[in-house]
Amino acid sequence: MERQLTLQNEMRERLMAMQIAWSREFLKYFGTFFGIAAFSLTSGAIKRKKPAFLVPIVPLGFIFAYQYDLGYGTLLQRMKGEAENVLDTEKSKLQLPKGTITFESLEKARKEQSQFFTDK
């Protein structure tokens, strides 16, 4: 049992590391795109004297800030803290529909499924 818990934790840590690495890699590409887009839109707004060209910078800036916070900031720690808060104070929101899965409910579903396939 202890080995299984250790293995599950190791897998969770590796998956989280991959998520952070993916976010950092995405940030490199998106940051380049954002920089080029911001420069182009700003120069277009100045040239044509239309400030409407600057509007796309706002949502792109939010996406950039989110990815930066995920890859290099404290977003994961804040998410962990909020998850712990939900686990401590809002247990009722975590309940599965129709309650916890039991062995009997699994067996019933398995038997119904096997009957479904044998009836065809």
PDB file of N, CA and C in Angstrom:
ATOM      1  N   MET A   1       0.822  -1.187   0.000  1.00  0.00           N
ATOM      2  CA  MET A   1       0.000   0.000   0.000  1.00  0.00           C
ATOM      3  C   MET A   1       0.873   1.262   0.000  1.00  0.00           C
ATOM      4  N   GLU A   2       1.935   1.227   0.815  1.00  0.00           N
ATOM      5  CA  GLU A   2       2.823   2.376   0.889  1.00  0.00           C
ATOM      6  C   GLU A   2       3.527   2.615  -0.444  1.00  0.00           C
ATOM      7  N   ARG A   3       3.906   1.541  -1.122  1.00  0.00           N
ATOM      8  CA  ARG A   3       4.543   1.678  -2.432  1.00  0.00           C
ATOM      9  C   ARG A   3       3.578   2.288  -3.444  1.00  0.00           C
ATOM     10  N   GLN A   4       2.327   1.854  -3.389  1.00  0.00           N
ATOM     11  CA  GLN A   4       1.333   2.397  -4.308  1.00  0.00           C
ATOM     12  C   GLN A   4       1.123   3.895  -4.063  1.00  0.00           C
ATOM     13  N   LEU A   5       1.061   4.304  -2.805  1.00  0.00           N
ATOM     14  CA  LEU A   5       0.913   5.720  -2.482  1.00  0.00           C
ATOM     15  C   LEU A   5       2.128   6.523  -2.957  1.00  0.00           C
ATOM     16  N   THR A   6       3.313   5.946  -2.753  1.00  0.00           N
ATOM     17  CA  THR A   6       4.534   6.609  -3.205  1.00  0.00           C
ATOM     18  C   THR A   6       4.536   6.740  -4.723  1.00  0.00           C
ATOM     19  N   LEU A   7       4.134   5.687  -5.419  1.00  0.00           N
ATOM     20  CA  LEU A   7       4.072   5.711  -6.873  1.00  0.00           C
ATOM     21  C   LEU A   7       3.063   6.746  -7.360  1.00  0.00           C
ATOM     22  N   GLN A   8       1.887   6.791  -6.744  1.00  0.00           N
ATOM     23  CA  GLN A   8       0.876   7.768  -7.138  1.00  0.00           C
ATOM     24  C   GLN A   8       1.365   9.194  -6.908  1.00  0.00           C
ATOM     25  N   ASN A   9       2.024   9.422  -5.808  1.00  0.00           N
ATOM     26  CA  ASN A   9       2.552  10.759  -5.526  1.00  0.00           C
ATOM     27  C   ASN A   9       3.641  11.133  -6.519  1.00  0.00           C
ATOM     28  N   GLU A  10       4.503  10.188  -6.846  1.00  0.00           N
ATOM     29  CA  GLU A  10       5.562  10.433  -7.833  1.00  0.00           C
ATOM     30  C   GLU A  10       4.955  10.772  -9.193  1.00  0.00           C
ATOM     31  N   MET A  11       3.921  10.049  -9.586  1.00  0.00           N
ATOM     32  CA  MET A  11       3.247  10.325 -10.861  1.00  0.00           C
ATOM     33  C   MET A  11       2.586  11.702 -10.828  1.00  0.00           C
ATOM     34  N   ARG A  12       1.968  12.059  -9.720  1.00  0.00           N
ATOM     35  CA  ARG A  12       1.324  13.369  -9.588  1.00  0.00           C
ATOM     36  C   ARG A  12       2.372  14.483  -9.708  1.00  0.00           C
ATOM     37  N   GLU A  13       3.505  14.301  -9.043  1.00  0.00           N
ATOM     38  CA  GLU A  13       4.565  15.302  -9.113  1.00  0.00           C
ATOM     39  C   GLU A  13       5.102  15.449 -10.534  1.00  0.00           C
ATOM     40  N   ARG A  14       5.254  14.332 -11.221  1.00  0.00           N
ATOM     41  CA  ARG A  14       5.749  14.391 -12.592  1.00  0.00           C
ATOM     42  C   ARG A  14       4.743  15.073 -13.517  1.00  0.00           C
ATOM     43  N   LEU A  15       3.467  14.789 -13.323  1.00  0.00           N
ATOM     44  CA  LEU A  15       2.439  15.436 -14.132  1.00  0.00           C
ATOM     45  C   LEU A  15       2.399  16.943 -13.879  1.00  0.00           C
ATOM     46  N   MET A  16       2.532  17.337 -12.622  1.00  0.00           N
ATOM     47  CA  MET A  16       2.559  18.764 -12.296  1.00  0.00           C
ATOM     48  C   MET A  16       3.801  19.424 -12.901  1.00  0.00           C
ATOM     49  N   ALA A  17       4.929  18.748 -12.857  1.00  0.00           N
ATOM     50  CA  ALA A  17       6.153  19.283 -13.458  1.00  0.00           C
ATOM     51  C   ALA A  17       5.977  19.448 -14.967  1.00  0.00           C
ATOM     52  N   MET A  18       5.315  18.488 -15.594  1.00  0.00           N
ATOM     53  CA  MET A  18       5.049  18.604 -17.028  1.00  0.00           C
ATOM     54  C   MET A  18       4.114  19.773 -17.317  1.00  0.00           C
ATOM     55  N   GLN A  19       3.131  19.992 -16.480  1.00  0.00           N
ATOM     56  CA  GLN A  19       2.211  21.115 -16.651  1.00  0.00           C
ATOM     57  C   GLN A  19       2.964  22.439 -16.560  1.00  0.00           C
ATOM     58  N   ILE A  20       3.832  22.557 -15.581  1.00  0.00           N
ATOM     59  CA  ILE A  20       4.613  23.789 -15.423  1.00  0.00           C
ATOM     60  C   ILE A  20       5.556  23.971 -16.611  1.00  0.00           C
ATOM     61  N   ALA A  21       6.207  22.893 -17.027  1.00  0.00           N
ATOM     62  CA  ALA A  21       7.122  22.978 -18.169  1.00  0.00           C
ATOM     63  C   ALA A  21       6.356  23.351 -19.441  1.00  0.00           C
ATOM     64  N   TRP A  22       5.178  22.774 -19.636  1.00  0.00           N
ATOM     65  CA  TRP A  22       4.361  23.111 -20.797  1.00  0.00           C
ATOM     66  C   TRP A  22       3.984  24.587 -20.773  1.00  0.00           C
ATOM     67  N   SER A  23       3.595  25.072 -19.610  1.00  0.00           N
ATOM     68  CA  SER A  23       3.206  26.466 -19.476  1.00  0.00           C
ATOM     69  C   SER A  23       4.377  27.390 -19.788  1.00  0.00           C
ATOM     70  N   ARG A  24       5.550  27.051 -19.322  1.00  0.00           N
ATOM     71  CA  ARG A  24       6.725  27.877 -19.585  1.00  0.00           C
ATOM     72  C   ARG A  24       7.080  27.867 -21.070  1.00  0.00           C
ATOM     73  N   GLU A  25       6.972  26.716 -21.695  1.00  0.00           N
ATOM     74  CA  GLU A  25       7.261  26.627 -23.128  1.00  0.00           C
ATOM     75  C   GLU A  25       6.224  27.398 -23.933  1.00  0.00           C
ATOM     76  N   PHE A  26       4.955  27.261 -23.576  1.00  0.00           N
ATOM     77  CA  PHE A  26       3.890  28.002 -24.248  1.00  0.00           C
ATOM     78  C   PHE A  26       4.111  29.504 -24.088  1.00  0.00           C
ATOM     79  N   LEU A  27       4.560  29.895 -22.909  1.00  0.00           N
ATOM     80  CA  LEU A  27       4.793  31.315 -22.634  1.00  0.00           C
ATOM     81  C   LEU A  27       5.852  31.889 -23.575  1.00  0.00           C
ATOM     82  N   LYS A  28       6.856  31.121 -23.912  1.00  0.00           N
ATOM     83  CA  LYS A  28       7.889  31.596 -24.832  1.00  0.00           C
ATOM     84  C   LYS A  28       7.283  31.934 -26.193  1.00  0.00           C
ATOM     85  N   TYR A  29       6.487  31.021 -26.726  1.00  0.00           N
ATOM     86  CA  TYR A  29       5.877  31.239 -28.026  1.00  0.00           C
ATOM     87  C   TYR A  29       4.817  32.328 -27.966  1.00  0.00           C
ATOM     88  N   PHE A  30       3.956  32.268 -26.963  1.00  0.00           N
ATOM     89  CA  PHE A  30       2.900  33.259 -26.851  1.00  0.00           C
ATOM     90  C   PHE A  30       3.477  34.638 -26.549  1.00  0.00           C
ATOM     91  N   GLY A  31       4.539  34.695 -25.746  1.00  0.00           N
ATOM     92  CA  GLY A  31       5.187  35.974 -25.456  1.00  0.00           C
ATOM     93  C   GLY A  31       5.737  36.617 -26.715  1.00  0.00           C
ATOM     94  N   THR A  32       6.325  35.821 -27.584  1.00  0.00           N
ATOM     95  CA  THR A  32       6.818  36.336 -28.860  1.00  0.00           C
ATOM     96  C   THR A  32       5.668  36.856 -29.705  1.00  0.00           C
ATOM     97  N   PHE A  33       4.595  36.059 -29.796  1.00  0.00           N
ATOM     98  CA  PHE A  33       3.412  36.492 -30.542  1.00  0.00           C
ATOM     99  C   PHE A  33       2.828  37.768 -29.946  1.00  0.00           C
ATOM    100  N   PHE A  34       2.721  37.816 -28.632  1.00  0.00           N
ATOM    101  CA  PHE A  34       2.157  38.981 -27.966  1.00  0.00           C
ATOM    102  C   PHE A  34       3.008  40.226 -28.216  1.00  0.00           C
ATOM    103  N   GLY A  35       4.304  40.079 -28.140  1.00  0.00           N
ATOM    104  CA  GLY A  35       5.194  41.215 -28.393  1.00  0.00           C
ATOM    105  C   GLY A  35       5.053  41.743 -29.810  1.00  0.00           C
ATOM    106  N   ILE A  36       5.047  40.851 -30.776  1.00  0.00           N
ATOM    107  CA  ILE A  36       4.903  41.259 -32.175  1.00  0.00           C
ATOM    108  C   ILE A  36       3.531  41.906 -32.399  1.00  0.00           C
ATOM    109  N   ALA A  37       2.492  41.283 -31.863  1.00  0.00           N
ATOM    110  CA  ALA A  37       1.137  41.820 -32.019  1.00  0.00           C
ATOM    111  C   ALA A  37       1.004  43.181 -31.345  1.00  0.00           C
ATOM    112  N   ALA A  38       1.536  43.326 -30.146  1.00  0.00           N
ATOM    113  CA  ALA A  38       1.438  44.603 -29.436  1.00  0.00           C
ATOM    114  C   ALA A  38       2.183  45.698 -30.198  1.00  0.00           C
ATOM    115  N   PHE A  39       3.372  45.378 -30.689  1.00  0.00           N
ATOM    116  CA  PHE A  39       4.134  46.359 -31.462  1.00  0.00           C
ATOM    117  C   PHE A  39       3.391  46.740 -32.741  1.00  0.00           C
ATOM    118  N   SER A  40       2.891  45.739 -33.464  1.00  0.00           N
ATOM    119  CA  SER A  40       2.190  45.988 -34.720  1.00  0.00           C
ATOM    120  C   SER A  40       0.908  46.785 -34.506  1.00  0.00           C
ATOM    121  N   LEU A  41       0.136  46.376 -33.508  1.00  0.00           N
ATOM    122  CA  LEU A  41      -1.127  47.073 -33.239  1.00  0.00           C
ATOM    123  C   LEU A  41      -0.883  48.503 -32.762  1.00  0.00           C
ATOM    124  N   THR A  42       0.141  48.699 -31.944  1.00  0.00           N
ATOM    125  CA  THR A  42       0.454  50.044 -31.463  1.00  0.00           C
ATOM    126  C   THR A  42       0.916  50.926 -32.621  1.00  0.00           C
ATOM    127  N   SER A  43       1.805  50.406 -33.457  1.00  0.00           N
ATOM    128  CA  SER A  43       2.265  51.210 -34.599  1.00  0.00           C
ATOM    129  C   SER A  43       1.124  51.474 -35.572  1.00  0.00           C
ATOM    130  N   GLY A  44       0.231  50.516 -35.777  1.00  0.00           N
ATOM    131  CA  GLY A  44      -0.933  50.728 -36.639  1.00  0.00           C
ATOM    132  C   GLY A  44      -1.874  51.776 -36.074  1.00  0.00           C
ATOM    133  N   ALA A  45      -2.051  51.744 -34.761  1.00  0.00           N
ATOM    134  CA  ALA A  45      -2.920  52.741 -34.123  1.00  0.00           C
ATOM    135  C   ALA A  45      -2.322  54.141 -34.242  1.00  0.00           C
ATOM    136  N   ILE A  46      -1.007  54.250 -34.140  1.00  0.00           N
ATOM    137  CA  ILE A  46      -0.355  55.560 -34.253  1.00  0.00           C
ATOM    138  C   ILE A  46      -0.385  56.052 -35.704  1.00  0.00           C
ATOM    139  N   LYS A  47      -0.068  55.142 -36.645  1.00  0.00           N
ATOM    140  CA  LYS A  47      -0.040  55.522 -38.060  1.00  0.00           C
ATOM    141  C   LYS A  47      -1.415  55.979 -38.555  1.00  0.00           C
ATOM    142  N   ARG A  48      -2.416  55.176 -38.266  1.00  0.00           N
ATOM    143  CA  ARG A  48      -3.757  55.447 -38.786  1.00  0.00           C
ATOM    144  C   ARG A  48      -4.599  56.303 -37.847  1.00  0.00           C
ATOM    145  N   LYS A  49      -4.044  56.615 -36.708  1.00  0.00           N
ATOM    146  CA  LYS A  49      -4.725  57.438 -35.702  1.00  0.00           C
ATOM    147  C   LYS A  49      -6.079  56.842 -35.315  1.00  0.00           C
ATOM    148  N   LYS A  50      -6.076  55.505 -35.123  1.00  0.00           N
ATOM    149  CA  LYS A  50      -7.272  54.781 -34.694  1.00  0.00           C
ATOM    150  C   LYS A  50      -6.927  53.988 -33.434  1.00  0.00           C
ATOM    151  N   PRO A  51      -7.330  54.500 -32.277  1.00  0.00           N
ATOM    152  CA  PRO A  51      -7.016  53.780 -31.033  1.00  0.00           C
ATOM    153  C   PRO A  51      -7.724  52.433 -30.920  1.00  0.00           C
ATOM    154  N   ALA A  52      -8.667  52.158 -31.788  1.00  0.00           N
ATOM    155  CA  ALA A  52      -9.363  50.867 -31.750  1.00  0.00           C
ATOM    156  C   ALA A  52      -8.411  49.698 -32.016  1.00  0.00           C
ATOM    157  N   PHE A  53      -7.311  49.980 -32.682  1.00  0.00           N
ATOM    158  CA  PHE A  53      -6.327  48.925 -32.939  1.00  0.00           C
ATOM    159  C   PHE A  53      -5.706  48.399 -31.641  1.00  0.00           C
ATOM    160  N   LEU A  54      -5.776  49.151 -30.571  1.00  0.00           N
ATOM    161  CA  LEU A  54      -5.170  48.749 -29.300  1.00  0.00           C
ATOM    162  C   LEU A  54      -6.056  47.795 -28.499  1.00  0.00           C
ATOM    163  N   VAL A  55      -7.328  47.662 -28.880  1.00  0.00           N
ATOM    164  CA  VAL A  55      -8.277  46.840 -28.115  1.00  0.00           C
ATOM    165  C   VAL A  55      -7.821  45.382 -27.980  1.00  0.00           C
ATOM    166  N   PRO A  56      -7.327  44.709 -29.032  1.00  0.00           N
ATOM    167  CA  PRO A  56      -6.911  43.303 -28.860  1.00  0.00           C
ATOM    168  C   PRO A  56      -5.770  43.097 -27.872  1.00  0.00           C
ATOM    169  N   ILE A  57      -5.036  44.142 -27.562  1.00  0.00           N
ATOM    170  CA  ILE A  57      -3.921  43.996 -26.624  1.00  0.00           C
ATOM    171  C   ILE A  57      -4.430  43.633 -25.227  1.00  0.00           C
ATOM    172  N   VAL A  58      -5.621  44.096 -24.863  1.00  0.00           N
ATOM    173  CA  VAL A  58      -6.148  43.848 -23.517  1.00  0.00           C
ATOM    174  C   VAL A  58      -6.370  42.353 -23.263  1.00  0.00           C
ATOM    175  N   PRO A  59      -7.184  41.636 -24.075  1.00  0.00           N
ATOM    176  CA  PRO A  59      -7.351  40.199 -23.784  1.00  0.00           C
ATOM    177  C   PRO A  59      -6.065  39.401 -23.956  1.00  0.00           C
ATOM    178  N   LEU A  60      -5.251  39.777 -24.946  1.00  0.00           N
ATOM    179  CA  LEU A  60      -3.972  39.087 -25.115  1.00  0.00           C
ATOM    180  C   LEU A  60      -3.070  39.304 -23.903  1.00  0.00           C
ATOM    181  N   GLY A  61      -3.152  40.482 -23.318  1.00  0.00           N
ATOM    182  CA  GLY A  61      -2.373  40.769 -22.110  1.00  0.00           C
ATOM    183  C   GLY A  61      -2.821  39.917 -20.931  1.00  0.00           C
ATOM    184  N   PHE A  62      -4.130  39.700 -20.807  1.00  0.00           N
ATOM    185  CA  PHE A  62      -4.628  38.832 -19.730  1.00  0.00           C
ATOM    186  C   PHE A  62      -4.137  37.397 -19.909  1.00  0.00           C
ATOM    187  N   ILE A  63      -4.165  36.908 -21.136  1.00  0.00           N
ATOM    188  CA  ILE A  63      -3.685  35.543 -21.398  1.00  0.00           C
ATOM    189  C   ILE A  63      -2.194  35.449 -21.079  1.00  0.00           C
ATOM    190  N   PHE A  64      -1.440  36.448 -21.493  1.00  0.00           N
ATOM    191  CA  PHE A  64      -0.004  36.464 -21.212  1.00  0.00           C
ATOM    192  C   PHE A  64       0.261  36.472 -19.708  1.00  0.00           C
ATOM    193  N   ALA A  65      -0.480  37.313 -18.980  1.00  0.00           N
ATOM    194  CA  ALA A  65      -0.286  37.405 -17.527  1.00  0.00           C
ATOM    195  C   ALA A  65      -0.644  36.082 -16.843  1.00  0.00           C
ATOM    196  N   TYR A  66      -1.713  35.432 -17.283  1.00  0.00           N
ATOM    197  CA  TYR A  66      -2.116  34.148 -16.705  1.00  0.00           C
ATOM    198  C   TYR A  66      -1.026  33.100 -16.929  1.00  0.00           C
ATOM    199  N   GLN A  67      -0.540  33.005 -18.165  1.00  0.00           N
ATOM    200  CA  GLN A  67       0.492  32.012 -18.468  1.00  0.00           C
ATOM    201  C   GLN A  67       1.777  32.292 -17.698  1.00  0.00           C
ATOM    202  N   TYR A  68       2.137  33.559 -17.555  1.00  0.00           N
ATOM    203  CA  TYR A  68       3.326  33.898 -16.780  1.00  0.00           C
ATOM    204  C   TYR A  68       3.143  33.495 -15.317  1.00  0.00           C
ATOM    205  N   ASP A  69       1.963  33.785 -14.770  1.00  0.00           N
ATOM    206  CA  ASP A  69       1.688  33.442 -13.373  1.00  0.00           C
ATOM    207  C   ASP A  69       1.698  31.932 -13.176  1.00  0.00           C
ATOM    208  N   LEU A  70       1.189  31.200 -14.158  1.00  0.00           N
ATOM    209  CA  LEU A  70       1.189  29.743 -14.060  1.00  0.00           C
ATOM    210  C   LEU A  70       2.604  29.176 -14.147  1.00  0.00           C
ATOM    211  N   GLY A  71       3.408  29.708 -15.043  1.00  0.00           N
ATOM    212  CA  GLY A  71       4.749  29.166 -15.257  1.00  0.00           C
ATOM    213  C   GLY A  71       5.797  29.636 -14.272  1.00  0.00           C
ATOM    214  N   TYR A  72       5.712  30.906 -13.861  1.00  0.00           N
ATOM    215  CA  TYR A  72       6.771  31.475 -13.033  1.00  0.00           C
ATOM    216  C   TYR A  72       6.259  32.125 -11.743  1.00  0.00           C
ATOM    217  N   GLY A  73       4.964  32.302 -11.632  1.00  0.00           N
ATOM    218  CA  GLY A  73       4.408  33.008 -10.486  1.00  0.00           C
ATOM    219  C   GLY A  73       3.903  32.066  -9.403  1.00  0.00           C
ATOM    220  N   THR A  74       2.931  32.553  -8.659  1.00  0.00           N
ATOM    221  CA  THR A  74       2.425  31.814  -7.501  1.00  0.00           C
ATOM    222  C   THR A  74       1.032  31.237  -7.737  1.00  0.00           C
ATOM    223  N   LEU A  75       0.613  31.134  -8.996  1.00  0.00           N
ATOM    224  CA  LEU A  75      -0.729  30.637  -9.285  1.00  0.00           C
ATOM    225  C   LEU A  75      -0.954  29.242  -8.713  1.00  0.00           C
ATOM    226  N   LEU A  76       0.003  28.348  -8.865  1.00  0.00           N
ATOM    227  CA  LEU A  76      -0.178  26.980  -8.367  1.00  0.00           C
ATOM    228  C   LEU A  76      -0.304  26.942  -6.847  1.00  0.00           C
ATOM    229  N   GLN A  77       0.447  27.783  -6.146  1.00  0.00           N
ATOM    230  CA  GLN A  77       0.327  27.827  -4.686  1.00  0.00           C
ATOM    231  C   GLN A  77      -1.044  28.379  -4.273  1.00  0.00           C
ATOM    232  N   ARG A  78      -1.519  29.398  -4.993  1.00  0.00           N
ATOM    233  CA  ARG A  78      -2.840  29.951  -4.681  1.00  0.00           C
ATOM    234  C   ARG A  78      -3.943  28.941  -4.973  1.00  0.00           C
ATOM    235  N   MET A  79      -3.793  28.204  -6.073  1.00  0.00           N
ATOM    236  CA  MET A  79      -4.774  27.160  -6.401  1.00  0.00           C
ATOM    237  C   MET A  79      -4.771  26.073  -5.331  1.00  0.00           C
ATOM    238  N   LYS A  80      -3.593  25.684  -4.882  1.00  0.00           N
ATOM    239  CA  LYS A  80      -3.483  24.668  -3.836  1.00  0.00           C
ATOM    240  C   LYS A  80      -4.156  25.145  -2.557  1.00  0.00           C
ATOM    241  N   GLY A  81      -3.909  26.401  -2.185  1.00  0.00           N
ATOM    242  CA  GLY A  81      -4.542  26.962  -0.987  1.00  0.00           C
ATOM    243  C   GLY A  81      -6.057  27.001  -1.106  1.00  0.00           C
ATOM    244  N   GLU A  82      -6.555  27.380  -2.276  1.00  0.00           N
ATOM    245  CA  GLU A  82      -8.001  27.425  -2.477  1.00  0.00           C
ATOM    246  C   GLU A  82      -8.599  26.022  -2.455  1.00  0.00           C
ATOM    247  N   ALA A  83      -7.893  25.056  -3.036  1.00  0.00           N
ATOM    248  CA  ALA A  83      -8.362  23.673  -3.010  1.00  0.00           C
ATOM    249  C   ALA A  83      -8.426  23.154  -1.575  1.00  0.00           C
ATOM    250  N   GLU A  84      -7.417  23.482  -0.770  1.00  0.00           N
ATOM    251  CA  GLU A  84      -7.433  23.078   0.636  1.00  0.00           C
ATOM    252  C   GLU A  84      -8.593  23.734   1.376  1.00  0.00           C
ATOM    253  N   ASN A  85      -8.878  24.989   1.046  1.00  0.00           N
ATOM    254  CA  ASN A  85     -10.007  25.689   1.655  1.00  0.00           C
ATOM    255  C   ASN A  85     -11.328  25.011   1.288  1.00  0.00           C
ATOM    256  N   VAL A  86     -11.491  24.622   0.036  1.00  0.00           N
ATOM    257  CA  VAL A  86     -12.704  23.926  -0.393  1.00  0.00           C
ATOM    258  C   VAL A  86     -12.835  22.596   0.341  1.00  0.00           C
ATOM    259  N   LEU A  87     -11.731  21.866   0.441  1.00  0.00           N
ATOM    260  CA  LEU A  87     -11.765  20.580   1.146  1.00  0.00           C
ATOM    261  C   LEU A  87     -12.134  20.752   2.617  1.00  0.00           C
ATOM    262  N   ASP A  88     -11.681  21.837   3.235  1.00  0.00           N
ATOM    263  CA  ASP A  88     -11.936  22.057   4.656  1.00  0.00           C
ATOM    264  C   ASP A  88     -13.325  22.622   4.931  1.00  0.00           C
ATOM    265  N   THR A  89     -13.808  23.522   4.085  1.00  0.00           N
ATOM    266  CA  THR A  89     -15.028  24.262   4.427  1.00  0.00           C
ATOM    267  C   THR A  89     -16.228  23.973   3.540  1.00  0.00           C
ATOM    268  N   GLU A  90     -16.028  23.357   2.387  1.00  0.00           N
ATOM    269  CA  GLU A  90     -17.144  23.160   1.462  1.00  0.00           C
ATOM    270  C   GLU A  90     -17.252  21.704   1.005  1.00  0.00           C
ATOM    271  N   LYS A  91     -17.197  20.781   1.943  1.00  0.00           N
ATOM    272  CA  LYS A  91     -17.244  19.355   1.624  1.00  0.00           C
ATOM    273  C   LYS A  91     -18.483  18.975   0.821  1.00  0.00           C
ATOM    274  N   SER A  92     -19.613  19.644   1.068  1.00  0.00           N
ATOM    275  CA  SER A  92     -20.854  19.268   0.398  1.00  0.00           C
ATOM    276  C   SER A  92     -20.770  19.463  -1.112  1.00  0.00           C
ATOM    277  N   LYS A  93     -19.928  20.365  -1.578  1.00  0.00           N
ATOM    278  CA  LYS A  93     -19.786  20.592  -3.006  1.00  0.00           C
ATOM    279  C   LYS A  93     -18.981  19.494  -3.698  1.00  0.00           C
ATOM    280  N   LEU A  94     -18.347  18.646  -2.913  1.00  0.00           N
ATOM    281  CA  LEU A  94     -17.514  17.587  -3.470  1.00  0.00           C
ATOM    282  C   LEU A  94     -18.239  16.252  -3.592  1.00  0.00           C
ATOM    283  N   GLN A  95     -19.475  16.199  -3.126  1.00  0.00           N
ATOM    284  CA  GLN A  95     -20.215  14.944  -3.156  1.00  0.00           C
ATOM    285  C   GLN A  95     -20.578  14.574  -4.588  1.00  0.00           C
ATOM    286  N   LEU A  96     -20.448  13.300  -4.894  1.00  0.00           N
ATOM    287  CA  LEU A  96     -20.822  12.796  -6.207  1.00  0.00           C
ATOM    288  C   LEU A  96     -22.343  12.701  -6.317  1.00  0.00           C
ATOM    289  N   PRO A  97     -22.883  12.859  -7.516  1.00  0.00           N
ATOM    290  CA  PRO A  97     -24.322  12.645  -7.677  1.00  0.00           C
ATOM    291  C   PRO A  97     -24.667  11.195  -7.316  1.00  0.00           C
ATOM    292  N   LYS A  98     -25.738  11.002  -6.619  1.00  0.00           N
ATOM    293  CA  LYS A  98     -26.185   9.680  -6.149  1.00  0.00           C
ATOM    294  C   LYS A  98     -25.232   9.073  -5.121  1.00  0.00           C
ATOM    295  N   GLY A  99     -24.381   9.877  -4.525  1.00  0.00           N
ATOM    296  CA  GLY A  99     -23.517   9.398  -3.452  1.00  0.00           C
ATOM    297  C   GLY A  99     -22.249   8.722  -3.929  1.00  0.00           C
ATOM    298  N   THR A 100     -21.531   8.164  -2.962  1.00  0.00           N
ATOM    299  CA  THR A 100     -20.264   7.506  -3.235  1.00  0.00           C
ATOM    300  C   THR A 100     -20.495   6.193  -3.969  1.00  0.00           C
ATOM    301  N   ILE A 101     -19.591   5.863  -4.874  1.00  0.00           N
ATOM    302  CA  ILE A 101     -19.677   4.613  -5.615  1.00  0.00           C
ATOM    303  C   ILE A 101     -19.383   3.456  -4.670  1.00  0.00           C
ATOM    304  N   THR A 102     -20.239   2.446  -4.715  1.00  0.00           N
ATOM    305  CA  THR A 102     -20.040   1.261  -3.879  1.00  0.00           C
ATOM    306  C   THR A 102     -19.759   0.055  -4.765  1.00  0.00           C
ATOM    307  N   PHE A 103     -19.297  -1.002  -4.127  1.00  0.00           N
ATOM    308  CA  PHE A 103     -19.048  -2.236  -4.862  1.00  0.00           C
ATOM    309  C   PHE A 103     -20.348  -2.762  -5.461  1.00  0.00           C
ATOM    310  N   GLU A 104     -21.441  -2.662  -4.709  1.00  0.00           N
ATOM    311  CA  GLU A 104     -22.732  -3.154  -5.191  1.00  0.00           C
ATOM    312  C   GLU A 104     -23.197  -2.378  -6.431  1.00  0.00           C
ATOM    313  N   SER A 105     -23.015  -1.052  -6.422  1.00  0.00           N
ATOM    314  CA  SER A 105     -23.444  -0.267  -7.584  1.00  0.00           C
ATOM    315  C   SER A 105     -22.577  -0.580  -8.809  1.00  0.00           C
ATOM    316  N   LEU A 106     -21.296  -0.837  -8.581  1.00  0.00           N
ATOM    317  CA  LEU A 106     -20.424  -1.224  -9.692  1.00  0.00           C
ATOM    318  C   LEU A 106     -20.822  -2.577 -10.267  1.00  0.00           C
ATOM    319  N   GLU A 107     -21.108  -3.521  -9.394  1.00  0.00           N
ATOM    320  CA  GLU A 107     -21.528  -4.849  -9.846  1.00  0.00           C
ATOM    321  C   GLU A 107     -22.850  -4.774 -10.607  1.00  0.00           C
ATOM    322  N   LYS A 108     -23.784  -3.974 -10.115  1.00  0.00           N
ATOM    323  CA  LYS A 108     -25.067  -3.815 -10.783  1.00  0.00           C
ATOM    324  C   LYS A 108     -24.874  -3.238 -12.183  1.00  0.00           C
ATOM    325  N   ALA A 109     -24.037  -2.206 -12.304  1.00  0.00           N
ATOM    326  CA  ALA A 109     -23.767  -1.594 -13.601  1.00  0.00           C
ATOM    327  C   ALA A 109     -23.049  -2.571 -14.527  1.00  0.00           C
ATOM    328  N   ARG A 110     -22.125  -3.349 -13.970  1.00  0.00           N
ATOM    329  CA  ARG A 110     -21.399  -4.332 -14.782  1.00  0.00           C
ATOM    330  C   ARG A 110     -22.338  -5.395 -15.318  1.00  0.00           C
ATOM    331  N   LYS A 111     -23.238  -5.884 -14.469  1.00  0.00           N
ATOM    332  CA  LYS A 111     -24.194  -6.909 -14.897  1.00  0.00           C
ATOM    333  C   LYS A 111     -25.150  -6.370 -15.952  1.00  0.00           C
ATOM    334  N   GLU A 112     -25.612  -5.134 -15.766  1.00  0.00           N
ATOM    335  CA  GLU A 112     -26.495  -4.522 -16.758  1.00  0.00           C
ATOM    336  C   GLU A 112     -25.780  -4.351 -18.093  1.00  0.00           C
ATOM    337  N   GLN A 113     -24.528  -3.984 -18.043  1.00  0.00           N
ATOM    338  CA  GLN A 113     -23.762  -3.796 -19.267  1.00  0.00           C
ATOM    339  C   GLN A 113     -23.517  -5.130 -19.962  1.00  0.00           C
ATOM    340  N   SER A 114     -23.198  -6.151 -19.194  1.00  0.00           N
ATOM    341  CA  SER A 114     -22.954  -7.456 -19.819  1.00  0.00           C
ATOM    342  C   SER A 114     -24.242  -8.021 -20.411  1.00  0.00           C
ATOM    343  N   GLN A 115     -25.383  -7.776 -19.776  1.00  0.00           N
ATOM    344  CA  GLN A 115     -26.668  -8.203 -20.335  1.00  0.00           C
ATOM    345  C   GLN A 115     -26.972  -7.436 -21.615  1.00  0.00           C
ATOM    346  N   PHE A 116     -26.626  -6.173 -21.647  1.00  0.00           N
ATOM    347  CA  PHE A 116     -26.851  -5.348 -22.832  1.00  0.00           C
ATOM    348  C   PHE A 116     -26.102  -5.921 -24.028  1.00  0.00           C
ATOM    349  N   PHE A 117     -24.850  -6.361 -23.810  1.00  0.00           N
ATOM    350  CA  PHE A 117     -24.061  -6.895 -24.905  1.00  0.00           C
ATOM    351  C   PHE A 117     -24.494  -8.305 -25.297  1.00  0.00           C
ATOM    352  N   THR A 118     -24.997  -9.089 -24.348  1.00  0.00           N
ATOM    353  CA  THR A 118     -25.439 -10.435 -24.701  1.00  0.00           C
ATOM    354  C   THR A 118     -26.810 -10.414 -25.369  1.00  0.00           C
ATOM    355  N   ASP A 119     -27.612  -9.389 -25.103  1.00  0.00           N
ATOM    356  CA  ASP A 119     -28.932  -9.275 -25.746  1.00  0.00           C
ATOM    357  C   ASP A 119     -28.818  -8.909 -27.209  1.00  0.00           C
ATOM    358  N   LYS A 120     -27.752  -8.260 -27.602  1.00  0.00           N
ATOM    359  CA  LYS A 120     -27.593  -7.858 -29.011  1.00  0.00           C
ATOM    360  C   LYS A 120     -27.090  -8.992 -29.776  1.00  0.00           C
TER     361      LYS A 120
END
